[in-house]
Amino acid sequence: IDGNDLAALACLSVDVDHRLAGSVASLQPRFQECFGKLANFSRDTRTWDVDESHFIEGSPLHDLWNLLVSIEGVKTTKASKIMASKFPHLLPVIDKKVRNLVHAQDGFWIGWNRVLKTDVKSILQDLQESSELSQEVSLLRIADVCLWMWDR
């Protein structure tokens, strides 16, 4: 987790102050350890290509999650935005609006993993194409924006 991730967080309407930046800096050795365990995942890893066992408690992704939420002032939304900036096609942003709309029985990540292995994936791909969005914009982000807008 570095300055680029904190800048991405700031671009998503999240205040990034010196305390948060200092906490992230002090945890760099632990972040490096987490990312070492996540070597099989890249920025381009798609959630539908991954077995749901990677999303359960005790997995390296959850270890990273737990490390992030251990930082004072980092809760669900901030942690998910940081993780989504690292793995935009693998992990969704979790905010209050979308979380209230999506009642994932087995967990938010597993729910999206399962949904994007269905026809929803092709619907989102069609929306991405018809909107002329870059392939860099993840289907998870498109779904998030659609749900957020629908809730409004």
C-alpha atoms as a PDB file:
ATOM      1  CA  ILE A   1       0.000   0.000   0.000  1.00  0.00           C
ATOM      2  CA  ASP A   2       1.629   3.233  -1.098  1.00  0.00           C
ATOM      3  CA  GLY A   3       0.966   6.838  -2.002  1.00  0.00           C
ATOM      4  CA  ASN A   4      -0.748   5.820  -5.235  1.00  0.00           C
ATOM      5  CA  ASP A   5      -3.332   3.845  -3.252  1.00  0.00           C
ATOM      6  CA  LEU A   6      -3.876   6.730  -0.856  1.00  0.00           C
ATOM      7  CA  ALA A   7      -4.272   9.089  -3.824  1.00  0.00           C
ATOM      8  CA  ALA A   8      -6.820   6.707  -5.337  1.00  0.00           C
ATOM      9  CA  LEU A   9      -8.633   6.724  -2.013  1.00  0.00           C
ATOM     10  CA  ALA A  10      -8.635  10.529  -1.962  1.00  0.00           C
ATOM     11  CA  CYS A  11     -10.086  10.566  -5.501  1.00  0.00           C
ATOM     12  CA  LEU A  12     -13.008   8.506  -4.208  1.00  0.00           C
ATOM     13  CA  SER A  13     -14.137  11.220  -1.778  1.00  0.00           C
ATOM     14  CA  VAL A  14     -12.254   9.866   1.235  1.00  0.00           C
ATOM     15  CA  ASP A  15     -10.198  12.116   3.488  1.00  0.00           C
ATOM     16  CA  VAL A  16      -6.608  10.957   3.686  1.00  0.00           C
ATOM     17  CA  ASP A  17      -4.826  12.700   6.532  1.00  0.00           C
ATOM     18  CA  HIS A  18      -1.314  12.425   7.939  1.00  0.00           C
ATOM     19  CA  ARG A  19      -2.400   9.935  10.635  1.00  0.00           C
ATOM     20  CA  LEU A  20      -3.746   7.507   8.035  1.00  0.00           C
ATOM     21  CA  ALA A  21      -0.663   7.930   5.846  1.00  0.00           C
ATOM     22  CA  GLY A  22       1.591   7.421   8.887  1.00  0.00           C
ATOM     23  CA  SER A  23      -0.266   4.277   9.958  1.00  0.00           C
ATOM     24  CA  VAL A  24      -0.011   2.836   6.466  1.00  0.00           C
ATOM     25  CA  ALA A  25       3.706   3.630   6.359  1.00  0.00           C
ATOM     26  CA  SER A  26       4.317   1.993   9.747  1.00  0.00           C
ATOM     27  CA  LEU A  27       2.610  -1.216   8.602  1.00  0.00           C
ATOM     28  CA  GLN A  28       4.602  -1.608   5.370  1.00  0.00           C
ATOM     29  CA  PRO A  29       6.428  -4.790   6.491  1.00  0.00           C
ATOM     30  CA  ARG A  30       3.092  -6.448   7.277  1.00  0.00           C
ATOM     31  CA  PHE A  31       1.615  -5.250   3.979  1.00  0.00           C
ATOM     32  CA  GLN A  32       4.607  -6.721   2.144  1.00  0.00           C
ATOM     33  CA  GLU A  33       4.000 -10.040   3.886  1.00  0.00           C
ATOM     34  CA  CYS A  34       0.309  -9.993   2.847  1.00  0.00           C
ATOM     35  CA  PHE A  35       1.133  -9.137  -0.747  1.00  0.00           C
ATOM     36  CA  GLY A  36       3.724 -11.909  -0.823  1.00  0.00           C
ATOM     37  CA  LYS A  37       0.884 -14.343  -0.116  1.00  0.00           C
ATOM     38  CA  LEU A  38      -1.160 -12.696  -2.876  1.00  0.00           C
ATOM     39  CA  ALA A  39       1.471 -13.179  -5.576  1.00  0.00           C
ATOM     40  CA  ASN A  40      -1.008 -15.207  -7.678  1.00  0.00           C
ATOM     41  CA  PHE A  41      -3.267 -12.175  -7.990  1.00  0.00           C
ATOM     42  CA  SER A  42      -2.596  -9.228 -10.251  1.00  0.00           C
ATOM     43  CA  ARG A  43      -4.393  -6.004 -11.003  1.00  0.00           C
ATOM     44  CA  ASP A  44      -6.063  -7.863 -13.901  1.00  0.00           C
ATOM     45  CA  THR A  45      -7.313 -10.913 -11.959  1.00  0.00           C
ATOM     46  CA  ARG A  46     -11.054 -11.282 -12.551  1.00  0.00           C
ATOM     47  CA  THR A  47     -13.335 -12.355  -9.714  1.00  0.00           C
ATOM     48  CA  TRP A  48     -15.090 -14.934 -11.897  1.00  0.00           C
ATOM     49  CA  ASP A  49     -11.758 -16.654 -12.586  1.00  0.00           C
ATOM     50  CA  VAL A  50     -11.077 -17.214  -8.885  1.00  0.00           C
ATOM     51  CA  ASP A  51     -12.398 -19.951  -6.636  1.00  0.00           C
ATOM     52  CA  GLU A  52     -14.534 -18.575  -3.822  1.00  0.00           C
ATOM     53  CA  SER A  53     -12.206 -20.166  -1.254  1.00  0.00           C
ATOM     54  CA  HIS A  54      -9.931 -17.149  -1.822  1.00  0.00           C
ATOM     55  CA  PHE A  55     -12.589 -14.912  -0.283  1.00  0.00           C
ATOM     56  CA  ILE A  56     -13.173 -16.709   3.012  1.00  0.00           C
ATOM     57  CA  GLU A  57     -11.940 -15.804   6.475  1.00  0.00           C
ATOM     58  CA  GLY A  58      -8.327 -16.922   6.893  1.00  0.00           C
ATOM     59  CA  SER A  59      -7.433 -16.391   3.229  1.00  0.00           C
ATOM     60  CA  PRO A  60      -4.634 -13.972   2.277  1.00  0.00           C
ATOM     61  CA  LEU A  61      -7.244 -11.491   1.007  1.00  0.00           C
ATOM     62  CA  HIS A  62      -8.911 -11.548   4.412  1.00  0.00           C
ATOM     63  CA  ASP A  63      -5.525 -11.151   6.097  1.00  0.00           C
ATOM     64  CA  LEU A  64      -5.002  -7.964   4.080  1.00  0.00           C
ATOM     65  CA  TRP A  65      -8.542  -6.835   4.918  1.00  0.00           C
ATOM     66  CA  ASN A  66      -7.981  -7.427   8.632  1.00  0.00           C
ATOM     67  CA  LEU A  67      -4.714  -5.498   8.523  1.00  0.00           C
ATOM     68  CA  LEU A  68      -6.392  -2.541   6.832  1.00  0.00           C
ATOM     69  CA  VAL A  69      -9.337  -2.375   9.230  1.00  0.00           C
ATOM     70  CA  SER A  70      -6.890  -2.540  12.157  1.00  0.00           C
ATOM     71  CA  ILE A  71      -5.785   0.995  11.204  1.00  0.00           C
ATOM     72  CA  GLU A  72      -7.527   3.697  13.209  1.00  0.00           C
ATOM     73  CA  GLY A  73     -10.139   5.398  11.039  1.00  0.00           C
ATOM     74  CA  VAL A  74     -10.204   2.654   8.396  1.00  0.00           C
ATOM     75  CA  LYS A  75     -13.491   0.836   8.295  1.00  0.00           C
ATOM     76  CA  THR A  76     -15.341  -1.118   5.624  1.00  0.00           C
ATOM     77  CA  THR A  77     -15.606   1.551   2.922  1.00  0.00           C
ATOM     78  CA  LYS A  78     -12.010   2.803   3.140  1.00  0.00           C
ATOM     79  CA  ALA A  79     -10.560  -0.703   3.354  1.00  0.00           C
ATOM     80  CA  SER A  80     -12.603  -1.874   0.373  1.00  0.00           C
ATOM     81  CA  LYS A  81     -11.623   1.183  -1.683  1.00  0.00           C
ATOM     82  CA  ILE A  82      -7.929   0.534  -1.014  1.00  0.00           C
ATOM     83  CA  MET A  83      -8.289  -3.149  -1.890  1.00  0.00           C
ATOM     84  CA  ALA A  84     -10.350  -2.360  -4.994  1.00  0.00           C
ATOM     85  CA  SER A  85      -7.628   0.037  -6.142  1.00  0.00           C
ATOM     86  CA  LYS A  86      -5.131  -2.852  -5.938  1.00  0.00           C
ATOM     87  CA  PHE A  87      -7.468  -5.493  -7.380  1.00  0.00           C
ATOM     88  CA  PRO A  88     -10.194  -3.627  -9.319  1.00  0.00           C
ATOM     89  CA  HIS A  89     -11.504  -6.665 -11.198  1.00  0.00           C
ATOM     90  CA  LEU A  90     -11.343  -8.976  -8.193  1.00  0.00           C
ATOM     91  CA  LEU A  91     -12.798  -7.031  -5.270  1.00  0.00           C
ATOM     92  CA  PRO A  92     -15.706  -4.593  -5.133  1.00  0.00           C
ATOM     93  CA  VAL A  93     -15.983  -1.349  -3.239  1.00  0.00           C
ATOM     94  CA  ILE A  94     -18.239  -1.893  -0.260  1.00  0.00           C
ATOM     95  CA  ASP A  95     -20.217   1.164   0.724  1.00  0.00           C
ATOM     96  CA  LYS A  96     -23.333   1.590   2.824  1.00  0.00           C
ATOM     97  CA  LYS A  97     -25.727   2.118  -0.109  1.00  0.00           C
ATOM     98  CA  VAL A  98     -24.657  -0.944  -2.064  1.00  0.00           C
ATOM     99  CA  ARG A  99     -24.255  -3.099   1.042  1.00  0.00           C
ATOM    100  CA  ASN A 100     -27.868  -2.314   1.984  1.00  0.00           C
ATOM    101  CA  LEU A 101     -29.061  -3.313  -1.494  1.00  0.00           C
ATOM    102  CA  VAL A 102     -27.006  -6.488  -1.747  1.00  0.00           C
ATOM    103  CA  HIS A 103     -27.809  -8.930   1.010  1.00  0.00           C
ATOM    104  CA  ALA A 104     -24.962 -11.385   0.555  1.00  0.00           C
ATOM    105  CA  GLN A 105     -25.644 -14.387   2.770  1.00  0.00           C
ATOM    106  CA  ASP A 106     -22.126 -15.832   2.470  1.00  0.00           C
ATOM    107  CA  GLY A 107     -20.230 -12.570   2.422  1.00  0.00           C
ATOM    108  CA  PHE A 108     -19.961  -9.649   0.042  1.00  0.00           C
ATOM    109  CA  TRP A 109     -16.948 -10.933  -1.911  1.00  0.00           C
ATOM    110  CA  ILE A 110     -18.331 -14.433  -2.345  1.00  0.00           C
ATOM    111  CA  GLY A 111     -21.653 -12.984  -3.442  1.00  0.00           C
ATOM    112  CA  TRP A 112     -20.046 -10.940  -6.220  1.00  0.00           C
ATOM    113  CA  ASN A 113     -17.867 -13.898  -7.193  1.00  0.00           C
ATOM    114  CA  ARG A 114     -20.985 -16.031  -7.638  1.00  0.00           C
ATOM    115  CA  VAL A 115     -23.048 -13.339  -9.389  1.00  0.00           C
ATOM    116  CA  LEU A 116     -20.344 -12.641 -11.953  1.00  0.00           C
ATOM    117  CA  LYS A 117     -20.285 -16.311 -12.904  1.00  0.00           C
ATOM    118  CA  THR A 118     -23.878 -15.917 -14.168  1.00  0.00           C
ATOM    119  CA  ASP A 119     -25.619 -13.989 -16.950  1.00  0.00           C
ATOM    120  CA  VAL A 120     -25.074 -10.798 -14.952  1.00  0.00           C
ATOM    121  CA  LYS A 121     -21.497 -10.786 -16.248  1.00  0.00           C
ATOM    122  CA  SER A 122     -22.620 -10.588 -19.881  1.00  0.00           C
ATOM    123  CA  ILE A 123     -25.181  -7.898 -19.045  1.00  0.00           C
ATOM    124  CA  LEU A 124     -22.448  -5.796 -17.451  1.00  0.00           C
ATOM    125  CA  GLN A 125     -20.118  -6.456 -20.394  1.00  0.00           C
ATOM    126  CA  ASP A 126     -22.854  -5.273 -22.781  1.00  0.00           C
ATOM    127  CA  LEU A 127     -23.321  -2.146 -20.680  1.00  0.00           C
ATOM    128  CA  GLN A 128     -19.570  -1.547 -20.670  1.00  0.00           C
ATOM    129  CA  GLU A 129     -19.431  -1.893 -24.453  1.00  0.00           C
ATOM    130  CA  SER A 130     -22.541   0.169 -25.217  1.00  0.00           C
ATOM    131  CA  SER A 131     -21.286   2.921 -22.904  1.00  0.00           C
ATOM    132  CA  GLU A 132     -17.904   2.811 -24.640  1.00  0.00           C
ATOM    133  CA  LEU A 133     -16.148   2.331 -21.323  1.00  0.00           C
ATOM    134  CA  SER A 134     -12.579   1.124 -21.294  1.00  0.00           C
ATOM    135  CA  GLN A 135     -11.846  -2.477 -20.352  1.00  0.00           C
ATOM    136  CA  GLU A 136      -9.882  -0.930 -17.477  1.00  0.00           C
ATOM    137  CA  VAL A 137     -13.197  -0.049 -15.831  1.00  0.00           C
ATOM    138  CA  SER A 138     -14.052  -3.211 -13.954  1.00  0.00           C
ATOM    139  CA  LEU A 139     -17.408  -4.916 -14.192  1.00  0.00           C
ATOM    140  CA  LEU A 140     -17.512  -4.741 -10.393  1.00  0.00           C
ATOM    141  CA  ARG A 141     -17.220  -0.952 -10.572  1.00  0.00           C
ATOM    142  CA  ILE A 142     -19.905  -0.736 -13.253  1.00  0.00           C
ATOM    143  CA  ALA A 143     -22.233  -2.832 -11.085  1.00  0.00           C
ATOM    144  CA  ASP A 144     -21.409  -0.679  -8.061  1.00  0.00           C
ATOM    145  CA  VAL A 145     -22.212   2.548  -9.900  1.00  0.00           C
ATOM    146  CA  CYS A 146     -25.444   1.084 -11.322  1.00  0.00           C
ATOM    147  CA  LEU A 147     -26.600  -0.041  -7.880  1.00  0.00           C
ATOM    148  CA  TRP A 148     -25.573   3.248  -6.290  1.00  0.00           C
ATOM    149  CA  MET A 149     -27.495   5.216  -8.934  1.00  0.00           C
ATOM    150  CA  TRP A 150     -30.503   2.911  -8.651  1.00  0.00           C
ATOM    151  CA  ASP A 151     -30.621   3.496  -4.902  1.00  0.00           C
ATOM    152  CA  ARG A 152     -30.709   7.263  -5.480  1.00  0.00           C
END
